[in-house]
Protein backbone atom coordinates (compact mmCIF):
# COMPACT_ATOMS: atom_id res chain seq x y z
CA UNK A 1 0.00 0.00 0.00
CA UNK A 2 3.00 2.25 0.16
CA UNK A 3 2.59 3.24 3.83
CA UNK A 4 4.83 2.66 6.81
CA UNK A 5 4.08 -0.21 9.21
CA UNK A 6 3.29 2.12 12.14
CA UNK A 7 0.81 4.00 9.95
CA UNK A 8 -0.89 0.76 8.93
CA UNK A 9 -1.03 -0.34 12.57
CA UNK A 10 -2.70 2.93 13.54
CA UNK A 11 -5.28 2.56 10.79
CA UNK A 12 -6.07 -1.02 11.79
CA UNK A 13 -6.24 0.02 15.47
CA UNK A 14 -8.92 2.59 14.66
CA UNK A 15 -10.85 0.22 12.39
CA UNK A 16 -10.79 -2.43 15.12
CA UNK A 17 -11.81 0.08 17.79
CA UNK A 18 -14.79 1.12 15.66
CA UNK A 19 -15.82 -2.48 15.04
CA UNK A 20 -15.02 -2.69 11.31
CA UNK A 21 -12.24 -5.30 11.49
CA UNK A 22 -10.87 -7.85 13.89
CA UNK A 23 -7.37 -9.19 14.34
CA UNK A 24 -6.91 -12.94 14.08
CA UNK A 25 -3.59 -14.51 15.11
CA UNK A 26 -1.98 -16.55 12.32
CA UNK A 27 -1.93 -20.23 13.24
CA UNK A 28 1.21 -20.91 11.20
CA UNK A 29 3.30 -17.87 12.15
CA UNK A 30 3.06 -16.37 15.63
CA UNK A 31 4.59 -13.12 14.35
CA UNK A 32 1.76 -12.56 11.87
CA UNK A 33 -1.72 -11.23 12.48
CA UNK A 34 -4.51 -11.53 9.91
CA UNK A 35 -7.17 -8.87 9.55
CA UNK A 36 -10.78 -9.83 8.87
CA UNK A 37 -13.91 -7.78 8.36
CA UNK A 38 -16.17 -7.67 11.41
CA UNK A 39 -19.95 -7.38 11.12
CA UNK A 40 -19.81 -3.56 11.02
CA UNK A 41 -17.23 -3.77 8.23
CA UNK A 42 -19.37 -6.17 6.22
CA UNK A 43 -22.44 -3.94 6.60
CA UNK A 44 -20.41 -0.86 5.68
CA UNK A 45 -19.09 -2.59 2.56
CA UNK A 46 -22.59 -3.72 1.53
CA UNK A 47 -23.89 -0.17 1.99
CA UNK A 48 -21.03 1.32 -0.04
CA UNK A 49 -21.60 -1.17 -2.87
CA UNK A 50 -25.33 -0.39 -2.90
CA UNK A 51 -24.67 3.35 -3.01
CA UNK A 52 -22.11 2.91 -5.79
CA UNK A 53 -24.58 0.83 -7.82
CA UNK A 54 -27.36 3.40 -7.34
CA UNK A 55 -25.05 6.25 -8.32
CA UNK A 56 -23.84 4.40 -11.42
CA UNK A 57 -27.45 3.76 -12.44
CA UNK A 58 -28.32 7.46 -12.05
CA UNK A 59 -25.30 8.44 -14.14
CA UNK A 60 -25.96 5.90 -16.88
CA UNK A 61 -29.67 6.79 -17.04
CA UNK A 62 -28.80 10.18 -18.56
CA UNK A 63 -27.27 8.37 -21.55
CA UNK A 64 -29.24 7.09 -24.50
CA UNK A 65 -29.20 3.32 -25.09
CA UNK A 66 -26.78 3.91 -27.97
CA UNK A 67 -24.48 5.97 -25.75
CA UNK A 68 -24.54 3.22 -23.10
CA UNK A 69 -23.58 0.63 -25.72
CA UNK A 70 -20.70 2.85 -26.87
CA UNK A 71 -19.62 3.37 -23.28
CA UNK A 72 -19.51 -0.38 -22.63
CA UNK A 73 -17.65 -0.94 -25.91
CA UNK A 74 -15.03 1.65 -24.96
CA UNK A 75 -14.64 0.20 -21.45
CA UNK A 76 -14.06 -3.27 -22.91
CA UNK A 77 -11.46 -1.84 -25.29
CA UNK A 78 -9.68 -0.09 -22.42
CA UNK A 79 -9.67 -3.27 -20.32
CA UNK A 80 -8.21 -5.25 -23.20
CA UNK A 81 -5.52 -2.61 -23.60
CA UNK A 82 -4.63 -2.69 -19.92
CA UNK A 83 -4.42 -6.49 -19.91
CA UNK A 84 -1.95 -6.36 -22.81
CA UNK A 85 0.40 -3.89 -21.13
């Protein structure tokens, strides 16, 4: 992620404090700790996905069906280009 370990620890501390994630000790390596979404984190993620979907629908609804087809065609072309880089 390009951030220092203490910064990451601080972020995870706050997310854990607020109930979004939980720390799970690694069974194979005592030095490692895995991070998992807690119930608040799962609900937050679901809500964000729903809002993103609704916003995308509102944006795409201003386009004509032809414009939407062109948009999808262009996105596919861009994805193909990125995969070939």
